[in-house]
C-alpha atoms as a PDB file:
ATOM      1  CA  UNK A   1     291.140  47.711  89.119  1.00  0.00           C
ATOM      2  CA  UNK A   2     287.420  47.112  89.376  1.00  0.00           C
ATOM      3  CA  UNK A   3     287.909  43.615  90.783  1.00  0.00           C
ATOM      4  CA  UNK A   4     290.490  44.919  93.260  1.00  0.00           C
ATOM      5  CA  UNK A   5     288.131  47.682  94.434  1.00  0.00           C
ATOM      6  CA  UNK A   6     285.284  45.210  94.858  1.00  0.00           C
ATOM      7  CA  UNK A   7     287.550  42.882  96.850  1.00  0.00           C
ATOM      8  CA  UNK A   8     288.778  45.674  99.148  1.00  0.00           C
ATOM      9  CA  UNK A   9     285.258  47.050  99.666  1.00  0.00           C
ATOM     10  CA  UNK A  10     283.855  43.649 100.608  1.00  0.00           C
ATOM     11  CA  UNK A  11     286.852  42.537 102.673  1.00  0.00           C
ATOM     12  CA  UNK A  12     287.242  45.685 104.746  1.00  0.00           C
ATOM     13  CA  UNK A  13     283.634  46.889 104.630  1.00  0.00           C
ATOM     14  CA  UNK A  14     284.624  50.365 103.456  1.00  0.00           C
ATOM     15  CA  UNK A  15     281.637  52.077 101.881  1.00  0.00           C
ATOM     16  CA  UNK A  16     283.958  54.658 100.346  1.00  0.00           C
ATOM     17  CA  UNK A  17     285.027  51.868  97.979  1.00  0.00           C
ATOM     18  CA  UNK A  18     281.652  52.102  96.277  1.00  0.00           C
ATOM     19  CA  UNK A  19     282.679  55.390  94.622  1.00  0.00           C
ATOM     20  CA  UNK A  20     285.494  53.954  92.451  1.00  0.00           C
ATOM     21  CA  UNK A  21     283.401  50.850  91.781  1.00  0.00           C
ATOM     22  CA  UNK A  22     280.572  53.032  90.472  1.00  0.00           C
ATOM     23  CA  UNK A  23     282.869  55.214  88.367  1.00  0.00           C
ATOM     24  CA  UNK A  24     284.690  52.239  86.859  1.00  0.00           C
ATOM     25  CA  UNK A  25     281.419  50.407  86.158  1.00  0.00           C
ATOM     26  CA  UNK A  26     280.011  53.426  84.338  1.00  0.00           C
ATOM     27  CA  UNK A  27     283.243  53.765  82.366  1.00  0.00           C
ATOM     28  CA  UNK A  28     283.124  50.101  81.342  1.00  0.00           C
ATOM     29  CA  UNK A  29     279.469  50.443  80.353  1.00  0.00           C
ATOM     30  CA  UNK A  30     280.348  53.419  78.130  1.00  0.00           C
ATOM     31  CA  UNK A  31     283.191  51.467  76.518  1.00  0.00           C
ATOM     32  CA  UNK A  32     281.216  48.255  75.901  1.00  0.00           C
ATOM     33  CA  UNK A  33     278.209  50.094  74.484  1.00  0.00           C
ATOM     34  CA  UNK A  34     280.533  52.203  72.312  1.00  0.00           C
ATOM     35  CA  UNK A  35     278.914  55.337  73.648  1.00  0.00           C
ATOM     36  CA  UNK A  36     279.875  58.676  72.129  1.00  0.00           C
ATOM     37  CA  UNK A  37     281.241  59.905  75.483  1.00  0.00           C
ATOM     38  CA  UNK A  38     283.506  56.891  76.050  1.00  0.00           C
ATOM     39  CA  UNK A  39     286.642  58.672  74.801  1.00  0.00           C
ATOM     40  CA  UNK A  40     286.031  61.752  76.913  1.00  0.00           C
ATOM     41  CA  UNK A  41     285.253  59.584  79.935  1.00  0.00           C
ATOM     42  CA  UNK A  42     288.450  57.572  79.556  1.00  0.00           C
ATOM     43  CA  UNK A  43     290.470  60.773  79.275  1.00  0.00           C
ATOM     44  CA  UNK A  44     288.831  62.355  82.339  1.00  0.00           C
ATOM     45  CA  UNK A  45     289.189  59.156  84.378  1.00  0.00           C
ATOM     46  CA  UNK A  46     292.847  58.674  83.499  1.00  0.00           C
ATOM     47  CA  UNK A  47     293.745  62.334  84.033  1.00  0.00           C
ATOM     48  CA  UNK A  48     291.865  62.901  87.286  1.00  0.00           C
ATOM     49  CA  UNK A  49     291.875  59.527  88.991  1.00  0.00           C
ATOM     50  CA  UNK A  50     295.268  58.252  87.882  1.00  0.00           C
ATOM     51  CA  UNK A  51     297.644  61.028  86.832  1.00  0.00           C
ATOM     52  CA  UNK A  52     296.559  63.810  89.188  1.00  0.00           C
ATOM     53  CA  UNK A  53     295.773  61.578  92.165  1.00  0.00           C
ATOM     54  CA  UNK A  54     299.075  59.704  92.089  1.00  0.00           C
ATOM     55  CA  UNK A  55     300.978  62.853  91.150  1.00  0.00           C
ATOM     56  CA  UNK A  56     299.624  64.584  94.258  1.00  0.00           C
ATOM     57  CA  UNK A  57     300.565  61.585  96.399  1.00  0.00           C
ATOM     58  CA  UNK A  58     304.065  61.706  94.956  1.00  0.00           C
ATOM     59  CA  UNK A  59     304.381  65.451  95.538  1.00  0.00           C
ATOM     60  CA  UNK A  60     302.875  65.264  99.030  1.00  0.00           C
ATOM     61  CA  UNK A  61     305.264  62.534 100.144  1.00  0.00           C
ATOM     62  CA  UNK A  62     308.131  64.493  98.590  1.00  0.00           C
ATOM     63  CA  UNK A  63     307.218  67.528 100.687  1.00  0.00           C
ATOM     64  CA  UNK A  64     306.963  65.462 103.871  1.00  0.00           C
ATOM     65  CA  UNK A  65     310.299  63.784 103.188  1.00  0.00           C
ATOM     66  CA  UNK A  66     311.849  67.134 102.335  1.00  0.00           C
ATOM     67  CA  UNK A  67     310.867  68.539 105.738  1.00  0.00           C
ATOM     68  CA  UNK A  68     312.420  65.465 107.378  1.00  0.00           C
ATOM     69  CA  UNK A  69     315.571  65.749 105.222  1.00  0.00           C
ATOM     70  CA  UNK A  70     314.706  62.391 103.600  1.00  0.00           C
ATOM     71  CA  UNK A  71     315.626  60.487 106.756  1.00  0.00           C
ATOM     72  CA  UNK A  72     312.625  58.131 106.429  1.00  0.00           C
ATOM     73  CA  UNK A  73     312.208  58.250 102.652  1.00  0.00           C
ATOM     74  CA  UNK A  74     310.364  55.299 101.160  1.00  0.00           C
ATOM     75  CA  UNK A  75     311.731  54.742  97.661  1.00  0.00           C
ATOM     76  CA  UNK A  76     309.092  52.146  96.774  1.00  0.00           C
ATOM     77  CA  UNK A  77     306.367  54.773  97.291  1.00  0.00           C
ATOM     78  CA  UNK A  78     308.094  57.109  94.829  1.00  0.00           C
ATOM     79  CA  UNK A  79     308.508  54.327  92.291  1.00  0.00           C
ATOM     80  CA  UNK A  80     304.884  53.189  92.576  1.00  0.00           C
ATOM     81  CA  UNK A  81     303.321  56.652  92.433  1.00  0.00           C
ATOM     82  CA  UNK A  82     305.712  57.761  89.695  1.00  0.00           C
ATOM     83  CA  UNK A  83     304.879  54.746  87.545  1.00  0.00           C
ATOM     84  CA  UNK A  84     301.137  55.192  88.076  1.00  0.00           C
ATOM     85  CA  UNK A  85     301.394  58.861  87.076  1.00  0.00           C
ATOM     86  CA  UNK A  86     303.256  57.868  83.921  1.00  0.00           C
ATOM     87  CA  UNK A  87     300.667  55.136  83.253  1.00  0.00           C
ATOM     88  CA  UNK A  88     297.880  57.727  83.413  1.00  0.00           C
ATOM     89  CA  UNK A  89     299.677  59.913  80.870  1.00  0.00           C
ATOM     90  CA  UNK A  90     300.237  56.903  78.593  1.00  0.00           C
ATOM     91  CA  UNK A  91     296.548  55.976  78.772  1.00  0.00           C
ATOM     92  CA  UNK A  92     295.601  59.510  77.691  1.00  0.00           C
ATOM     93  CA  UNK A  93     298.086  59.423  74.796  1.00  0.00           C
ATOM     94  CA  UNK A  94     296.913  55.961  73.707  1.00  0.00           C
ATOM     95  CA  UNK A  95     293.271  57.041  73.906  1.00  0.00           C
ATOM     96  CA  UNK A  96     293.909  60.138  71.812  1.00  0.00           C
ATOM     97  CA  UNK A  97     295.696  58.130  69.117  1.00  0.00           C
ATOM     98  CA  UNK A  98     293.485  55.067  68.842  1.00  0.00           C
ATOM     99  CA  UNK A  99     289.885  55.934  69.681  1.00  0.00           C
ATOM    100  CA  UNK A 100     287.940  57.632  66.935  1.00  0.00           C
ATOM    101  CA  UNK A 101     284.488  59.081  67.223  1.00  0.00           C
ATOM    102  CA  UNK A 102     282.422  58.338  64.150  1.00  0.00           C
ATOM    103  CA  UNK A 103     279.297  60.403  63.736  1.00  0.00           C
ATOM    104  CA  UNK A 104     276.392  58.568  62.195  1.00  0.00           C
ATOM    105  CA  UNK A 105     273.743  60.267  60.151  1.00  0.00           C
ATOM    106  CA  UNK A 106     270.540  60.765  62.063  1.00  0.00           C
ATOM    107  CA  UNK A 107     267.462  59.888  60.085  1.00  0.00           C
END
């Protein structure tokens, strides 16, 4: 996702693309340095930026299509946003099961 965001930001010159690049870079830094807040950061990122964001897109398009009686419904949008919402939930579940925080004694 980071490479895709960098590509889109450079190609289209959208400065708004710097926000996800910054967030994803910080998240990767926390993971690679095995920081104590890496687990919490992964959970927040996957809940807010994947599950909630795509869930709201799904729900918003559903409401628009509902008002139009599904005359112009785009099934591929529902599949994509539905799968991304499920992916966010799976990332949270995987993170909760596999990442352990080990406290070291401070000297």
